[in-house]
N, C-alpha and C. Protein backbone atom coordinates (compact mmCIF):
# COMPACT_ATOMS: atom_id res chain seq x y z
N MET A 1 102.05 117.74 172.43
CA MET A 1 103.33 118.33 172.06
C MET A 1 104.42 117.90 173.05
N ALA A 2 104.10 117.91 174.34
CA ALA A 2 105.08 117.52 175.35
C ALA A 2 105.51 116.07 175.16
N LYS A 3 104.57 115.21 174.74
CA LYS A 3 104.90 113.81 174.51
C LYS A 3 105.89 113.66 173.36
N ILE A 4 105.73 114.48 172.33
CA ILE A 4 106.65 114.43 171.19
C ILE A 4 108.05 114.85 171.62
N VAL A 5 108.14 115.93 172.38
CA VAL A 5 109.44 116.40 172.86
C VAL A 5 110.09 115.35 173.75
N LEU A 6 109.31 114.76 174.64
CA LEU A 6 109.84 113.71 175.52
C LEU A 6 110.33 112.52 174.70
N PHE A 7 109.54 112.12 173.71
CA PHE A 7 109.93 111.00 172.85
C PHE A 7 111.24 111.30 172.11
N LEU A 8 111.36 112.51 171.56
CA LEU A 8 112.58 112.88 170.83
C LEU A 8 113.78 112.91 171.76
N CYS A 9 113.59 113.39 172.97
CA CYS A 9 114.69 113.40 173.94
C CYS A 9 115.13 111.97 174.27
N MET A 10 114.16 111.09 174.50
CA MET A 10 114.49 109.70 174.82
C MET A 10 115.15 109.02 173.63
N LEU A 11 114.67 109.31 172.44
CA LEU A 11 115.23 108.73 171.24
C LEU A 11 116.67 109.18 171.05
N SER A 12 116.93 110.47 171.20
CA SER A 12 118.30 110.97 171.03
C SER A 12 119.21 110.44 172.13
N PHE A 13 118.70 110.28 173.34
CA PHE A 13 119.53 109.73 174.42
C PHE A 13 119.91 108.29 174.13
N GLY A 14 119.00 107.54 173.58
CA GLY A 14 119.27 106.14 173.26
C GLY A 14 120.34 105.98 172.20
N PHE A 15 120.38 106.88 171.23
CA PHE A 15 121.37 106.78 170.17
C PHE A 15 122.69 107.43 170.55
N CYS A 16 122.69 108.30 171.51
CA CYS A 16 123.89 109.06 171.85
C CYS A 16 124.21 108.95 173.33
N ALA A 17 124.11 107.76 173.87
CA ALA A 17 124.38 107.59 175.30
C ALA A 17 125.81 107.99 175.60
N ALA A 18 125.95 108.88 176.56
CA ALA A 18 127.27 109.37 176.96
C ALA A 18 127.57 108.85 178.35
N LYS A 19 128.85 108.67 178.61
CA LYS A 19 129.24 108.19 179.93
C LYS A 19 130.53 108.87 180.33
N ILE A 20 130.55 109.36 181.55
CA ILE A 20 131.80 109.82 182.13
C ILE A 20 132.51 108.56 182.58
N VAL A 21 133.67 108.29 181.99
CA VAL A 21 134.33 107.01 182.20
C VAL A 21 135.53 107.14 183.14
N LYS A 22 135.83 106.01 183.77
CA LYS A 22 137.02 105.94 184.62
C LYS A 22 138.23 105.78 183.71
N PHE A 23 139.32 106.41 184.10
CA PHE A 23 140.55 106.31 183.32
C PHE A 23 141.73 106.18 184.26
N SER A 24 142.80 105.64 183.73
CA SER A 24 144.06 105.58 184.46
C SER A 24 145.01 106.59 183.84
N VAL A 25 145.70 107.33 184.68
CA VAL A 25 146.70 108.27 184.18
C VAL A 25 147.93 107.47 183.79
N CYS A 26 148.51 107.79 182.66
CA CYS A 26 149.73 107.10 182.21
C CYS A 26 150.84 107.30 183.23
N GLU A 27 151.68 106.30 183.32
CA GLU A 27 152.80 106.38 184.24
C GLU A 27 153.86 107.28 183.63
N SER A 28 153.93 108.52 184.11
CA SER A 28 154.89 109.48 183.61
C SER A 28 155.10 110.55 184.66
N GLU A 29 156.33 110.92 184.84
CA GLU A 29 156.64 112.00 185.77
C GLU A 29 156.67 113.34 185.05
N LYS A 30 156.46 113.33 183.75
CA LYS A 30 156.63 114.54 182.96
C LYS A 30 155.32 115.08 182.39
N LEU A 31 154.19 114.73 182.97
CA LEU A 31 152.93 115.26 182.47
C LEU A 31 152.91 116.77 182.66
N LYS A 32 152.47 117.47 181.62
CA LYS A 32 152.43 118.93 181.65
C LYS A 32 151.03 119.47 181.92
N GLY A 33 150.16 118.61 182.45
CA GLY A 33 148.80 119.02 182.74
C GLY A 33 148.07 117.91 183.47
N LYS A 34 146.78 118.15 183.72
CA LYS A 34 145.96 117.18 184.45
C LYS A 34 144.62 117.01 183.76
N LEU A 35 144.25 115.76 183.52
CA LEU A 35 142.93 115.42 183.00
C LEU A 35 141.99 115.28 184.18
N SER A 36 140.87 116.00 184.17
CA SER A 36 139.96 115.95 185.31
C SER A 36 138.71 115.11 185.03
N GLU A 37 138.27 115.05 183.76
CA GLU A 37 137.06 114.30 183.44
C GLU A 37 137.11 113.85 182.00
N LEU A 38 136.58 112.66 181.75
CA LEU A 38 136.58 112.09 180.41
C LEU A 38 135.19 111.55 180.10
N GLU A 39 134.65 111.99 178.97
CA GLU A 39 133.32 111.56 178.54
C GLU A 39 133.44 110.90 177.17
N ILE A 40 132.83 109.74 177.01
CA ILE A 40 132.84 109.01 175.75
C ILE A 40 131.40 108.87 175.26
N ILE A 41 131.18 109.18 173.96
CA ILE A 41 129.85 109.10 173.35
C ILE A 41 129.98 108.29 172.06
N PRO A 42 129.31 107.19 171.85
CA PRO A 42 128.41 106.52 172.78
C PRO A 42 129.18 105.57 173.69
N CYS A 43 128.69 105.44 174.89
CA CYS A 43 129.22 104.48 175.85
C CYS A 43 128.14 104.27 176.90
N GLU A 44 127.60 103.08 176.91
CA GLU A 44 126.52 102.79 177.85
C GLU A 44 127.03 102.15 179.13
N ALA A 45 128.15 101.43 179.05
CA ALA A 45 128.73 100.76 180.21
C ALA A 45 130.22 100.58 179.97
N GLU A 46 130.97 100.43 181.05
CA GLU A 46 132.41 100.23 180.91
C GLU A 46 132.74 98.74 180.98
N PRO A 47 133.67 98.26 180.16
CA PRO A 47 134.39 99.02 179.15
C PRO A 47 133.47 99.41 178.00
N CYS A 48 133.74 100.55 177.40
CA CYS A 48 132.89 101.05 176.32
C CYS A 48 132.95 100.10 175.13
N GLY A 49 131.78 99.74 174.64
CA GLY A 49 131.69 98.91 173.44
C GLY A 49 131.62 99.82 172.22
N LEU A 50 132.62 99.72 171.36
CA LEU A 50 132.70 100.57 170.17
C LEU A 50 132.39 99.73 168.95
N LYS A 51 131.47 100.22 168.13
CA LYS A 51 131.05 99.47 166.94
C LYS A 51 131.91 99.88 165.75
N ARG A 52 132.42 98.85 165.05
CA ARG A 52 133.21 99.13 163.85
C ARG A 52 132.35 99.85 162.83
N GLY A 53 132.98 100.77 162.09
CA GLY A 53 132.26 101.54 161.09
C GLY A 53 131.53 102.75 161.64
N THR A 54 131.79 103.09 162.90
CA THR A 54 131.15 104.26 163.51
C THR A 54 132.22 105.22 164.03
N ASP A 55 131.79 106.38 164.44
CA ASP A 55 132.66 107.36 165.08
C ASP A 55 132.32 107.44 166.55
N VAL A 56 133.34 107.66 167.36
CA VAL A 56 133.18 107.84 168.79
C VAL A 56 133.62 109.26 169.12
N SER A 57 132.83 109.95 169.91
CA SER A 57 133.19 111.30 170.35
C SER A 57 133.75 111.23 171.76
N MET A 58 134.73 112.08 172.02
CA MET A 58 135.36 112.12 173.33
C MET A 58 135.47 113.58 173.76
N LYS A 59 135.13 113.83 175.01
CA LYS A 59 135.32 115.14 175.61
C LYS A 59 136.26 114.96 176.79
N ALA A 60 137.41 115.61 176.73
CA ALA A 60 138.40 115.51 177.79
C ALA A 60 138.56 116.88 178.44
N HIS A 61 138.21 116.97 179.71
CA HIS A 61 138.34 118.21 180.48
C HIS A 61 139.72 118.20 181.13
N PHE A 62 140.52 119.23 180.87
CA PHE A 62 141.89 119.22 181.38
C PHE A 62 142.40 120.62 181.69
N THR A 63 143.50 120.65 182.43
CA THR A 63 144.18 121.89 182.80
C THR A 63 145.67 121.73 182.51
N PRO A 64 146.23 122.56 181.60
CA PRO A 64 147.68 122.51 181.39
C PRO A 64 148.40 123.25 182.52
N TYR A 65 149.56 122.72 182.90
CA TYR A 65 150.36 123.37 183.95
C TYR A 65 151.21 124.51 183.38
N GLU A 66 151.45 124.48 182.07
CA GLU A 66 152.28 125.48 181.40
C GLU A 66 151.53 126.00 180.18
N ASP A 67 151.95 127.15 179.66
CA ASP A 67 151.40 127.65 178.41
C ASP A 67 151.70 126.64 177.30
N VAL A 68 150.74 126.45 176.39
CA VAL A 68 150.89 125.49 175.29
C VAL A 68 150.67 126.22 173.98
N LYS A 69 151.69 126.19 173.11
CA LYS A 69 151.59 126.86 171.80
C LYS A 69 150.76 126.06 170.81
N ASP A 70 150.95 124.75 170.82
CA ASP A 70 150.26 123.87 169.88
C ASP A 70 150.12 122.49 170.52
N ALA A 71 149.13 121.73 170.09
CA ALA A 71 148.90 120.41 170.68
C ALA A 71 148.45 119.42 169.61
N ARG A 72 148.78 118.16 169.85
CA ARG A 72 148.50 117.09 168.91
C ARG A 72 148.02 115.85 169.67
N SER A 73 147.01 115.18 169.13
CA SER A 73 146.46 113.97 169.74
C SER A 73 147.08 112.72 169.13
N VAL A 74 147.38 111.74 169.99
CA VAL A 74 147.97 110.47 169.55
C VAL A 74 147.24 109.34 170.27
N VAL A 75 146.87 108.29 169.52
CA VAL A 75 146.14 107.15 170.10
C VAL A 75 146.85 105.85 169.74
N HIS A 76 147.00 104.97 170.74
CA HIS A 76 147.56 103.63 170.56
C HIS A 76 146.67 102.64 171.32
N ALA A 77 146.64 101.41 170.84
CA ALA A 77 145.97 100.33 171.56
C ALA A 77 146.97 99.19 171.76
N LYS A 78 146.88 98.55 172.90
CA LYS A 78 147.75 97.41 173.16
C LYS A 78 147.00 96.15 172.75
N ILE A 79 147.43 95.58 171.62
CA ILE A 79 146.78 94.40 171.06
C ILE A 79 147.80 93.27 170.96
N ARG A 80 147.50 92.17 171.63
CA ARG A 80 148.38 90.99 171.66
C ARG A 80 149.81 91.37 172.05
N GLY A 81 149.94 92.29 173.00
CA GLY A 81 151.24 92.67 173.52
C GLY A 81 151.96 93.75 172.76
N PHE A 82 151.40 94.22 171.64
CA PHE A 82 152.03 95.25 170.83
C PHE A 82 151.24 96.55 170.90
N MET A 83 151.95 97.68 170.95
CA MET A 83 151.30 98.99 170.89
C MET A 83 151.05 99.31 169.42
N VAL A 84 149.78 99.36 169.04
CA VAL A 84 149.39 99.58 167.65
C VAL A 84 148.84 101.00 167.52
N PRO A 85 149.43 101.82 166.63
CA PRO A 85 148.92 103.18 166.46
C PRO A 85 147.55 103.18 165.78
N PHE A 86 146.69 104.06 166.22
CA PHE A 86 145.39 104.28 165.60
C PHE A 86 145.41 105.71 165.08
N PRO A 87 145.78 105.91 163.80
CA PRO A 87 145.88 107.26 163.25
C PRO A 87 144.53 107.99 163.31
N LEU A 88 144.60 109.25 163.67
CA LEU A 88 143.40 110.08 163.75
C LEU A 88 143.27 110.92 162.49
N PRO A 89 142.05 111.16 162.01
CA PRO A 89 141.88 111.99 160.82
C PRO A 89 142.22 113.45 161.09
N ASN A 90 142.07 113.90 162.33
CA ASN A 90 142.32 115.29 162.70
C ASN A 90 143.13 115.35 163.99
N PRO A 91 144.43 115.08 163.92
CA PRO A 91 145.22 115.04 165.16
C PRO A 91 145.58 116.41 165.73
N GLU A 92 145.47 117.46 164.92
CA GLU A 92 145.86 118.79 165.38
C GLU A 92 144.80 119.36 166.32
N ALA A 93 145.04 119.25 167.61
CA ALA A 93 144.04 119.60 168.62
C ALA A 93 143.67 121.08 168.60
N CYS A 94 144.60 121.94 168.24
CA CYS A 94 144.32 123.38 168.27
C CYS A 94 143.57 123.85 167.03
N HIS A 95 143.36 122.97 166.07
CA HIS A 95 142.65 123.34 164.86
C HIS A 95 141.38 122.53 164.66
N ASP A 96 141.38 121.30 165.14
CA ASP A 96 140.30 120.38 164.81
C ASP A 96 139.51 119.85 166.00
N SER A 97 139.85 120.28 167.20
CA SER A 97 139.23 119.65 168.37
C SER A 97 138.65 120.64 169.38
N GLY A 98 138.29 121.81 168.89
CA GLY A 98 137.63 122.76 169.77
C GLY A 98 138.54 123.58 170.66
N LEU A 99 139.84 123.46 170.48
CA LEU A 99 140.77 124.25 171.28
C LEU A 99 141.30 125.40 170.44
N THR A 100 141.53 126.53 171.07
CA THR A 100 142.16 127.67 170.43
C THR A 100 143.47 127.93 171.14
N CYS A 101 144.56 127.69 170.44
CA CYS A 101 145.88 127.88 171.03
C CYS A 101 146.37 129.30 170.78
N PRO A 102 147.20 129.83 171.65
CA PRO A 102 147.85 129.13 172.75
C PRO A 102 146.91 128.90 173.93
N LEU A 103 147.17 127.81 174.65
CA LEU A 103 146.45 127.51 175.88
C LEU A 103 147.24 128.12 177.03
N LYS A 104 146.55 128.69 177.98
CA LYS A 104 147.20 129.34 179.11
C LYS A 104 147.36 128.37 180.28
N ALA A 105 148.47 128.50 180.96
CA ALA A 105 148.73 127.67 182.15
C ALA A 105 147.60 127.85 183.15
N ASN A 106 147.16 126.75 183.73
CA ASN A 106 146.13 126.69 184.76
C ASN A 106 144.73 127.07 184.28
N GLY A 107 144.55 127.21 182.96
CA GLY A 107 143.22 127.41 182.40
C GLY A 107 142.51 126.07 182.31
N THR A 108 141.19 126.09 182.21
CA THR A 108 140.42 124.86 182.06
C THR A 108 139.93 124.77 180.62
N TYR A 109 140.17 123.63 179.99
CA TYR A 109 139.84 123.45 178.58
C TYR A 109 139.12 122.13 178.37
N VAL A 110 138.41 122.04 177.23
CA VAL A 110 137.75 120.79 176.84
C VAL A 110 138.20 120.44 175.43
N LEU A 111 138.83 119.30 175.30
CA LEU A 111 139.22 118.76 174.00
C LEU A 111 138.06 117.93 173.48
N ASN A 112 137.57 118.24 172.28
CA ASN A 112 136.50 117.48 171.64
C ASN A 112 137.11 116.73 170.47
N ALA A 113 137.22 115.43 170.57
CA ALA A 113 137.83 114.64 169.51
C ALA A 113 136.83 113.64 168.96
N VAL A 114 136.93 113.39 167.66
CA VAL A 114 136.13 112.35 167.02
C VAL A 114 137.10 111.26 166.60
N LEU A 115 136.84 110.05 167.08
CA LEU A 115 137.72 108.92 166.84
C LEU A 115 137.00 107.90 165.97
N PRO A 116 137.46 107.68 164.74
CA PRO A 116 136.80 106.68 163.89
C PRO A 116 137.14 105.27 164.33
N VAL A 117 136.13 104.41 164.34
CA VAL A 117 136.34 102.98 164.60
C VAL A 117 136.15 102.31 163.24
N LYS A 118 137.26 102.11 162.55
CA LYS A 118 137.21 101.65 161.17
C LYS A 118 136.73 100.21 161.06
N PRO A 119 136.03 99.89 159.97
CA PRO A 119 135.54 98.52 159.78
C PRO A 119 136.65 97.47 159.78
N LYS A 120 137.86 97.85 159.40
CA LYS A 120 138.98 96.89 159.34
C LYS A 120 139.58 96.60 160.71
N TYR A 121 139.21 97.36 161.75
CA TYR A 121 139.75 97.10 163.08
C TYR A 121 139.28 95.73 163.56
N PRO A 122 140.15 95.00 164.25
CA PRO A 122 139.75 93.68 164.75
C PRO A 122 138.74 93.78 165.89
N LYS A 123 137.91 92.76 166.01
CA LYS A 123 137.03 92.67 167.17
C LYS A 123 137.90 92.25 168.34
N VAL A 124 138.07 93.15 169.30
CA VAL A 124 139.02 92.88 170.38
C VAL A 124 138.70 93.75 171.59
N ALA A 125 139.05 93.25 172.74
CA ALA A 125 139.03 94.06 173.96
C ALA A 125 140.47 94.48 174.20
N ALA A 126 140.69 95.78 174.44
CA ALA A 126 142.07 96.25 174.56
C ALA A 126 142.13 97.54 175.37
N PRO A 127 143.26 97.75 176.04
CA PRO A 127 143.48 99.06 176.66
C PRO A 127 143.94 100.04 175.58
N VAL A 128 143.36 101.23 175.60
CA VAL A 128 143.70 102.28 174.63
C VAL A 128 144.37 103.43 175.38
N THR A 129 145.47 103.91 174.81
CA THR A 129 146.19 105.05 175.38
C THR A 129 145.96 106.26 174.50
N PHE A 130 145.54 107.36 175.10
CA PHE A 130 145.33 108.62 174.40
C PHE A 130 146.28 109.64 175.01
N GLU A 131 147.05 110.31 174.15
CA GLU A 131 147.98 111.34 174.61
C GLU A 131 147.67 112.66 173.91
N LEU A 132 147.69 113.74 174.67
CA LEU A 132 147.67 115.07 174.10
C LEU A 132 149.06 115.62 174.32
N LYS A 133 149.78 115.86 173.21
CA LYS A 133 151.18 116.26 173.28
C LYS A 133 151.35 117.72 172.88
N ASP A 134 152.32 118.38 173.51
CA ASP A 134 152.65 119.75 173.12
C ASP A 134 153.61 119.72 171.93
N SER A 135 154.01 120.90 171.46
CA SER A 135 154.86 120.99 170.27
C SER A 135 156.25 120.39 170.48
N LYS A 136 156.65 120.18 171.73
CA LYS A 136 157.95 119.57 172.03
C LYS A 136 157.84 118.05 172.22
N GLY A 137 156.63 117.50 172.10
CA GLY A 137 156.43 116.07 172.26
C GLY A 137 156.15 115.63 173.68
N ASN A 138 156.02 116.59 174.60
CA ASN A 138 155.69 116.27 175.99
C ASN A 138 154.20 116.01 176.13
N ASP A 139 153.83 115.08 177.00
CA ASP A 139 152.42 114.82 177.26
C ASP A 139 151.82 115.92 178.13
N ILE A 140 150.79 116.59 177.62
CA ILE A 140 150.02 117.51 178.45
C ILE A 140 149.16 116.65 179.38
N PHE A 141 148.48 115.67 178.79
CA PHE A 141 147.84 114.62 179.58
C PHE A 141 147.91 113.33 178.81
N CYS A 142 147.77 112.25 179.52
CA CYS A 142 147.82 110.91 178.93
C CYS A 142 146.96 110.02 179.80
N PHE A 143 146.08 109.23 179.16
CA PHE A 143 145.25 108.32 179.93
C PHE A 143 145.11 107.00 179.21
N VAL A 144 144.69 106.00 179.97
CA VAL A 144 144.42 104.67 179.44
C VAL A 144 143.01 104.29 179.86
N ILE A 145 142.21 103.79 178.89
CA ILE A 145 140.89 103.25 179.18
C ILE A 145 140.77 101.88 178.51
N SER A 146 139.88 101.08 179.03
CA SER A 146 139.60 99.78 178.41
C SER A 146 138.42 99.93 177.48
N ILE A 147 138.53 99.36 176.29
CA ILE A 147 137.44 99.40 175.32
C ILE A 147 137.23 97.99 174.76
N HIS A 148 136.10 97.83 174.10
CA HIS A 148 135.80 96.58 173.41
C HIS A 148 135.29 96.94 172.03
N ILE A 149 136.03 96.54 170.99
CA ILE A 149 135.60 96.81 169.61
C ILE A 149 134.72 95.65 169.16
N GLU A 150 133.51 95.99 168.74
CA GLU A 150 132.52 94.97 168.33
C GLU A 150 132.37 94.95 166.83
């Protein structure tokens, strides 16, 4: 029985490898919070290799500096010098990403987002910018990571 449990654990780890990844904070003097940790699933090594036609899960641990009534996720990738939007199926963070708003200043929260890697996306290595914005359009947090779409 122990061998079966061990096998299932190893099997699930192989399919769902998670990695706490390094990120760069966006250059902004107006951030309304701080991102403390970022986890990407699946990601076995950096830059994370994302397979077209799959979903990627992200867990972002953060602390807002101010109360937040509502929040929205926005994603862009810099491809061939242009910032290309990557629309999310569920951008409303307070309804679709594990957050219950309002968020309190200096509280610790985890944003759980699912990011589709659509089959039509080009095979490319690119920096991706993820922003969590408040209802006024201010960045609560913003980060850049390098990814490789396969």
